[in-house]
Amino acid sequence: ELLEQRAAELDLLVMPEADESEEEALF
């Protein structure tokens, strides 16, 4: 939850790599 909140603060947009979930890519 802390990582998700921090990512939201930074307004991060990511593209998952192969075999990577969107959450894993965000972290």
PDB file of all heavy atoms in Angstrom:
ATOM      1  N   GLU A   1       0.828  -1.209   0.000  1.00  0.00           N
ATOM      2  CA  GLU A   1       0.000   0.000   0.000  1.00  0.00           C
ATOM      3  C   GLU A   1       0.864   1.262   0.000  1.00  0.00           C
ATOM      4  O   GLU A   1       0.573   2.235  -0.703  1.00  0.00           O
ATOM      5  CB  GLU A   1      -0.932  -0.006   1.210  1.00  0.00           C
ATOM      6  CG  GLU A   1      -1.827   1.211   1.342  1.00  0.00           C
ATOM      7  CD  GLU A   1      -2.807   1.365   0.199  1.00  0.00           C
ATOM      8  OE1 GLU A   1      -3.221   0.335  -0.380  1.00  0.00           O
ATOM      9  OE2 GLU A   1      -3.171   2.527  -0.110  1.00  0.00           O
ATOM     10  N   LEU A   2       1.939   1.249   0.779  1.00  0.00           N
ATOM     11  CA  LEU A   2       2.827   2.403   0.813  1.00  0.00           C
ATOM     12  C   LEU A   2       3.465   2.656  -0.543  1.00  0.00           C
ATOM     13  O   LEU A   2       3.596   3.812  -0.984  1.00  0.00           O
ATOM     14  CB  LEU A   2       3.916   2.200   1.872  1.00  0.00           C
ATOM     15  CG  LEU A   2       3.474   2.312   3.335  1.00  0.00           C
ATOM     16  CD1 LEU A   2       4.598   1.877   4.265  1.00  0.00           C
ATOM     17  CD2 LEU A   2       3.034   3.742   3.652  1.00  0.00           C
ATOM     18  N   LEU A   3       3.876   1.591  -1.221  1.00  0.00           N
ATOM     19  CA  LEU A   3       4.467   1.749  -2.547  1.00  0.00           C
ATOM     20  C   LEU A   3       3.451   2.270  -3.550  1.00  0.00           C
ATOM     21  O   LEU A   3       3.763   3.133  -4.385  1.00  0.00           O
ATOM     22  CB  LEU A   3       5.048   0.414  -3.023  1.00  0.00           C
ATOM     23  CG  LEU A   3       6.286  -0.083  -2.269  1.00  0.00           C
ATOM     24  CD1 LEU A   3       6.622  -1.518  -2.667  1.00  0.00           C
ATOM     25  CD2 LEU A   3       7.482   0.827  -2.527  1.00  0.00           C
ATOM     26  N   GLU A   4       2.238   1.759  -3.471  1.00  0.00           N
ATOM     27  CA  GLU A   4       1.190   2.234  -4.377  1.00  0.00           C
ATOM     28  C   GLU A   4       0.874   3.706  -4.123  1.00  0.00           C
ATOM     29  O   GLU A   4       0.680   4.492  -5.066  1.00  0.00           O
ATOM     30  CB  GLU A   4      -0.067   1.382  -4.216  1.00  0.00           C
ATOM     31  CG  GLU A   4       0.083  -0.034  -4.767  1.00  0.00           C
ATOM     32  CD  GLU A   4      -1.155  -0.878  -4.534  1.00  0.00           C
ATOM     33  OE1 GLU A   4      -2.063  -0.403  -3.798  1.00  0.00           O
ATOM     34  OE2 GLU A   4      -1.230  -1.995  -5.079  1.00  0.00           O
ATOM     35  N   GLN A   5       0.827   4.090  -2.856  1.00  0.00           N
ATOM     36  CA  GLN A   5       0.549   5.486  -2.539  1.00  0.00           C
ATOM     37  C   GLN A   5       1.670   6.396  -3.027  1.00  0.00           C
ATOM     38  O   GLN A   5       1.423   7.478  -3.561  1.00  0.00           O
ATOM     39  CB  GLN A   5       0.339   5.650  -1.036  1.00  0.00           C
ATOM     40  CG  GLN A   5      -0.948   5.020  -0.516  1.00  0.00           C
ATOM     41  CD  GLN A   5      -1.126   5.230   0.973  1.00  0.00           C
ATOM     42  OE1 GLN A   5      -0.448   6.039   1.595  1.00  0.00           O
ATOM     43  NE2 GLN A   5      -2.066   4.486   1.568  1.00  0.00           N
ATOM     44  N   ARG A   6       2.924   5.952  -2.852  1.00  0.00           N
ATOM     45  CA  ARG A   6       4.044   6.772  -3.312  1.00  0.00           C
ATOM     46  C   ARG A   6       4.060   6.884  -4.829  1.00  0.00           C
ATOM     47  O   ARG A   6       4.332   7.955  -5.391  1.00  0.00           O
ATOM     48  CB  ARG A   6       5.360   6.168  -2.809  1.00  0.00           C
ATOM     49  CG  ARG A   6       6.606   6.946  -3.211  1.00  0.00           C
ATOM     50  CD  ARG A   6       6.571   8.376  -2.707  1.00  0.00           C
ATOM     51  NE  ARG A   6       7.749   9.115  -3.150  1.00  0.00           N
ATOM     52  CZ  ARG A   6       7.894  10.433  -3.016  1.00  0.00           C
ATOM     53  NH1 ARG A   6       6.923  11.152  -2.443  1.00  0.00           N
ATOM     54  NH2 ARG A   6       8.988  11.029  -3.447  1.00  0.00           N
ATOM     55  N   ALA A   7       3.767   5.793  -5.524  1.00  0.00           N
ATOM     56  CA  ALA A   7       3.718   5.819  -6.980  1.00  0.00           C
ATOM     57  C   ALA A   7       2.624   6.766  -7.464  1.00  0.00           C
ATOM     58  O   ALA A   7       2.799   7.487  -8.448  1.00  0.00           O
ATOM     59  CB  ALA A   7       3.488   4.417  -7.524  1.00  0.00           C
ATOM     60  N   ALA A   8       1.495   6.772  -6.752  1.00  0.00           N
ATOM     61  CA  ALA A   8       0.406   7.688  -7.120  1.00  0.00           C
ATOM     62  C   ALA A   8       0.822   9.145  -6.912  1.00  0.00           C
ATOM     63  O   ALA A   8       0.489  10.015  -7.720  1.00  0.00           O
ATOM     64  CB  ALA A   8      -0.842   7.360  -6.304  1.00  0.00           C
ATOM     65  N   GLU A   9       1.565   9.404  -5.823  1.00  0.00           N
ATOM     66  CA  GLU A   9       2.054  10.765  -5.576  1.00  0.00           C
ATOM     67  C   GLU A   9       2.926  11.257  -6.721  1.00  0.00           C
ATOM     68  O   GLU A   9       2.889  12.430  -7.098  1.00  0.00           O
ATOM     69  CB  GLU A   9       2.866  10.809  -4.284  1.00  0.00           C
ATOM     70  CG  GLU A   9       2.055  10.655  -3.010  1.00  0.00           C
ATOM     71  CD  GLU A   9       2.969  10.627  -1.786  1.00  0.00           C
ATOM     72  OE1 GLU A   9       4.156  11.017  -1.919  1.00  0.00           O
ATOM     73  OE2 GLU A   9       2.511  10.200  -0.717  1.00  0.00           O
ATOM     74  N   LEU A  10       3.724  10.360  -7.275  1.00  0.00           N
ATOM     75  CA  LEU A  10       4.640  10.728  -8.354  1.00  0.00           C
ATOM     76  C   LEU A  10       3.987  10.638  -9.722  1.00  0.00           C
ATOM     77  O   LEU A  10       4.611  10.994 -10.728  1.00  0.00           O
ATOM     78  CB  LEU A  10       5.868   9.807  -8.315  1.00  0.00           C
ATOM     79  CG  LEU A  10       6.710   9.878  -7.037  1.00  0.00           C
ATOM     80  CD1 LEU A  10       7.799   8.807  -7.056  1.00  0.00           C
ATOM     81  CD2 LEU A  10       7.334  11.253  -6.869  1.00  0.00           C
ATOM     82  N   ASP A  11       2.737  10.163  -9.758  1.00  0.00           N
ATOM     83  CA  ASP A  11       1.999  10.031 -11.011  1.00  0.00           C
ATOM     84  C   ASP A  11       2.787   9.212 -12.031  1.00  0.00           C
ATOM     85  O   ASP A  11       2.953   9.611 -13.183  1.00  0.00           O
ATOM     86  CB  ASP A  11       1.669  11.411 -11.585  1.00  0.00           C
ATOM     87  CG  ASP A  11       0.558  11.337 -12.637  1.00  0.00           C
ATOM     88  OD1 ASP A  11      -0.220  10.361 -12.614  1.00  0.00           O
ATOM     89  OD2 ASP A  11       0.497  12.248 -13.499  1.00  0.00           O
ATOM     90  N   LEU A  12       3.281   8.048 -11.577  1.00  0.00           N
ATOM     91  CA  LEU A  12       4.099   7.212 -12.447  1.00  0.00           C
ATOM     92  C   LEU A  12       3.249   6.476 -13.475  1.00  0.00           C
ATOM     93  O   LEU A  12       2.189   5.932 -13.169  1.00  0.00           O
ATOM     94  CB  LEU A  12       4.866   6.180 -11.616  1.00  0.00           C
ATOM     95  CG  LEU A  12       5.985   6.692 -10.714  1.00  0.00           C
ATOM     96  CD1 LEU A  12       6.670   5.522 -10.029  1.00  0.00           C
ATOM     97  CD2 LEU A  12       6.997   7.512 -11.496  1.00  0.00           C
ATOM     98  N   LEU A  13       3.739   6.470 -14.700  1.00  0.00           N
ATOM     99  CA  LEU A  13       3.145   5.679 -15.771  1.00  0.00           C
ATOM    100  C   LEU A  13       4.211   4.715 -16.272  1.00  0.00           C
ATOM    101  O   LEU A  13       5.329   5.129 -16.595  1.00  0.00           O
ATOM    102  CB  LEU A  13       2.667   6.577 -16.910  1.00  0.00           C
ATOM    103  CG  LEU A  13       1.544   7.559 -16.564  1.00  0.00           C
ATOM    104  CD1 LEU A  13       1.248   8.460 -17.760  1.00  0.00           C
ATOM    105  CD2 LEU A  13       0.288   6.805 -16.144  1.00  0.00           C
ATOM    106  N   VAL A  14       3.885   3.442 -16.338  1.00  0.00           N
ATOM    107  CA  VAL A  14       4.888   2.451 -16.703  1.00  0.00           C
ATOM    108  C   VAL A  14       4.350   1.510 -17.771  1.00  0.00           C
ATOM    109  O   VAL A  14       3.132   1.368 -17.955  1.00  0.00           O
ATOM    110  CB  VAL A  14       5.321   1.621 -15.481  1.00  0.00           C
ATOM    111  CG1 VAL A  14       5.928   2.516 -14.420  1.00  0.00           C
ATOM    112  CG2 VAL A  14       4.150   0.830 -14.913  1.00  0.00           C
ATOM    113  N   MET A  15       5.291   0.861 -18.468  1.00  0.00           N
ATOM    114  CA  MET A  15       4.963  -0.179 -19.434  1.00  0.00           C
ATOM    115  C   MET A  15       5.582  -1.484 -18.939  1.00  0.00           C
ATOM    116  O   MET A  15       6.806  -1.595 -18.845  1.00  0.00           O
ATOM    117  CB  MET A  15       5.520   0.169 -20.805  1.00  0.00           C
ATOM    118  CG  MET A  15       4.819   1.348 -21.465  1.00  0.00           C
ATOM    119  SD  MET A  15       3.098   0.948 -21.888  1.00  0.00           S
ATOM    120  CE  MET A  15       3.353  -0.291 -23.139  1.00  0.00           C
ATOM    121  N   PRO A  16       4.772  -2.466 -18.561  1.00  0.00           N
ATOM    122  CA  PRO A  16       5.321  -3.734 -18.064  1.00  0.00           C
ATOM    123  C   PRO A  16       6.216  -4.408 -19.095  1.00  0.00           C
ATOM    124  O   PRO A  16       5.957  -4.359 -20.304  1.00  0.00           O
ATOM    125  CB  PRO A  16       4.070  -4.577 -17.794  1.00  0.00           C
ATOM    126  CG  PRO A  16       2.968  -3.574 -17.619  1.00  0.00           C
ATOM    127  CD  PRO A  16       3.306  -2.445 -18.545  1.00  0.00           C
ATOM    128  N   GLU A  17       7.284  -5.027 -18.589  1.00  0.00           N
ATOM    129  CA  GLU A  17       8.157  -5.810 -19.438  1.00  0.00           C
ATOM    130  C   GLU A  17       7.586  -7.215 -19.586  1.00  0.00           C
ATOM    131  O   GLU A  17       6.541  -7.534 -19.019  1.00  0.00           O
ATOM    132  CB  GLU A  17       9.565  -5.852 -18.835  1.00  0.00           C
ATOM    133  CG  GLU A  17      10.220  -4.477 -18.757  1.00  0.00           C
ATOM    134  CD  GLU A  17      11.602  -4.532 -18.131  1.00  0.00           C
ATOM    135  OE1 GLU A  17      11.952  -5.601 -17.568  1.00  0.00           O
ATOM    136  OE2 GLU A  17      12.317  -3.515 -18.190  1.00  0.00           O
ATOM    137  N   ALA A  18       8.258  -8.043 -20.353  1.00  0.00           N
ATOM    138  CA  ALA A  18       7.773  -9.409 -20.582  1.00  0.00           C
ATOM    139  C   ALA A  18       7.628 -10.153 -19.260  1.00  0.00           C
ATOM    140  O   ALA A  18       8.496 -10.066 -18.386  1.00  0.00           O
ATOM    141  CB  ALA A  18       8.746 -10.157 -21.494  1.00  0.00           C
ATOM    142  N   ASP A  19       6.523 -10.888 -19.097  1.00  0.00           N
ATOM    143  CA  ASP A  19       6.254 -11.692 -17.901  1.00  0.00           C
ATOM    144  C   ASP A  19       6.226 -10.842 -16.630  1.00  0.00           C
ATOM    145  O   ASP A  19       6.569 -11.321 -15.540  1.00  0.00           O
ATOM    146  CB  ASP A  19       7.288 -12.814 -17.741  1.00  0.00           C
ATOM    147  CG  ASP A  19       7.285 -13.769 -18.922  1.00  0.00           C
ATOM    148  OD1 ASP A  19       6.195 -14.021 -19.455  1.00  0.00           O
ATOM    149  OD2 ASP A  19       8.365 -14.246 -19.305  1.00  0.00           O
ATOM    150  N   GLU A  20       5.815  -9.605 -16.742  1.00  0.00           N
ATOM    151  CA  GLU A  20       5.773  -8.700 -15.596  1.00  0.00           C
ATOM    152  C   GLU A  20       4.378  -8.111 -15.487  1.00  0.00           C
ATOM    153  O   GLU A  20       3.827  -7.617 -16.467  1.00  0.00           O
ATOM    154  CB  GLU A  20       6.813  -7.590 -15.776  1.00  0.00           C
ATOM    155  CG  GLU A  20       6.954  -6.662 -14.582  1.00  0.00           C
ATOM    156  CD  GLU A  20       7.996  -5.589 -14.833  1.00  0.00           C
ATOM    157  OE1 GLU A  20       7.985  -4.976 -15.917  1.00  0.00           O
ATOM    158  OE2 GLU A  20       8.819  -5.351 -13.930  1.00  0.00           O
ATOM    159  N   SER A  21       3.790  -8.165 -14.286  1.00  0.00           N
ATOM    160  CA  SER A  21       2.478  -7.577 -14.084  1.00  0.00           C
ATOM    161  C   SER A  21       2.589  -6.058 -14.009  1.00  0.00           C
ATOM    162  O   SER A  21       3.687  -5.510 -13.830  1.00  0.00           O
ATOM    163  CB  SER A  21       1.844  -8.109 -12.801  1.00  0.00           C
ATOM    164  OG  SER A  21       2.553  -7.620 -11.668  1.00  0.00           O
ATOM    165  N   GLU A  22       1.467  -5.378 -14.131  1.00  0.00           N
ATOM    166  CA  GLU A  22       1.475  -3.912 -14.051  1.00  0.00           C
ATOM    167  C   GLU A  22       1.942  -3.451 -12.672  1.00  0.00           C
ATOM    168  O   GLU A  22       2.678  -2.471 -12.553  1.00  0.00           O
ATOM    169  CB  GLU A  22       0.074  -3.358 -14.341  1.00  0.00           C
ATOM    170  CG  GLU A  22       0.032  -1.843 -14.418  1.00  0.00           C
ATOM    171  CD  GLU A  22      -1.308  -1.326 -14.907  1.00  0.00           C
ATOM    172  OE1 GLU A  22      -2.080  -2.114 -15.486  1.00  0.00           O
ATOM    173  OE2 GLU A  22      -1.586  -0.125 -14.716  1.00  0.00           O
ATOM    174  N   GLU A  23       1.527  -4.192 -11.638  1.00  0.00           N
ATOM    175  CA  GLU A  23       1.949  -3.838 -10.278  1.00  0.00           C
ATOM    176  C   GLU A  23       3.453  -4.022 -10.124  1.00  0.00           C
ATOM    177  O   GLU A  23       4.133  -3.162  -9.560  1.00  0.00           O
ATOM    178  CB  GLU A  23       1.212  -4.708  -9.270  1.00  0.00           C
ATOM    179  CG  GLU A  23       1.577  -4.405  -7.826  1.00  0.00           C
ATOM    180  CD  GLU A  23       0.864  -5.323  -6.854  1.00  0.00           C
ATOM    181  OE1 GLU A  23       1.234  -6.515  -6.776  1.00  0.00           O
ATOM    182  OE2 GLU A  23      -0.055  -4.844  -6.179  1.00  0.00           O
ATOM    183  N   GLU A  24       3.990  -5.133 -10.625  1.00  0.00           N
ATOM    184  CA  GLU A  24       5.429  -5.364 -10.552  1.00  0.00           C
ATOM    185  C   GLU A  24       6.198  -4.293 -11.302  1.00  0.00           C
ATOM    186  O   GLU A  24       7.252  -3.819 -10.845  1.00  0.00           O
ATOM    187  CB  GLU A  24       5.759  -6.749 -11.111  1.00  0.00           C
ATOM    188  CG  GLU A  24       5.286  -7.900 -10.230  1.00  0.00           C
ATOM    189  CD  GLU A  24       5.411  -9.245 -10.923  1.00  0.00           C
ATOM    190  OE1 GLU A  24       5.466  -9.277 -12.172  1.00  0.00           O
ATOM    191  OE2 GLU A  24       5.440 -10.269 -10.218  1.00  0.00           O
ATOM    192  N   ALA A  25       5.690  -3.906 -12.454  1.00  0.00           N
ATOM    193  CA  ALA A  25       6.352  -2.859 -13.233  1.00  0.00           C
ATOM    194  C   ALA A  25       6.331  -1.530 -12.493  1.00  0.00           C
ATOM    195  O   ALA A  25       7.324  -0.788 -12.487  1.00  0.00           O
ATOM    196  CB  ALA A  25       5.676  -2.716 -14.591  1.00  0.00           C
ATOM    197  N   LEU A  26       5.208  -1.235 -11.846  1.00  0.00           N
ATOM    198  CA  LEU A  26       5.090   0.020 -11.108  1.00  0.00           C
ATOM    199  C   LEU A  26       6.100   0.071  -9.965  1.00  0.00           C
ATOM    200  O   LEU A  26       6.794   1.082  -9.774  1.00  0.00           O
ATOM    201  CB  LEU A  26       3.671   0.164 -10.560  1.00  0.00           C
ATOM    202  CG  LEU A  26       3.297   1.519  -9.952  1.00  0.00           C
ATOM    203  CD1 LEU A  26       3.287   2.599 -11.023  1.00  0.00           C
ATOM    204  CD2 LEU A  26       1.939   1.437  -9.272  1.00  0.00           C
ATOM    205  N   PHE A  27       6.214  -1.017  -9.232  1.00  0.00           N
ATOM    206  CA  PHE A  27       7.159  -1.057  -8.120  1.00  0.00           C
ATOM    207  C   PHE A  27       8.606  -1.004  -8.625  1.00  0.00           C
ATOM    208  O   PHE A  27       9.458  -0.353  -8.025  1.00  0.00           O
ATOM    209  CB  PHE A  27       6.932  -2.314  -7.282  1.00  0.00           C
ATOM    210  CG  PHE A  27       5.609  -2.347  -6.572  1.00  0.00           C
ATOM    211  CD1 PHE A  27       5.126  -3.520  -6.015  1.00  0.00           C
ATOM    212  CD2 PHE A  27       4.841  -1.193  -6.458  1.00  0.00           C
ATOM    213  CE1 PHE A  27       3.902  -3.547  -5.361  1.00  0.00           C
ATOM    214  CE2 PHE A  27       3.620  -1.211  -5.806  1.00  0.00           C
ATOM    215  CZ  PHE A  27       3.141  -2.386  -5.258  1.00  0.00           C
TER     216      PHE A  27
END
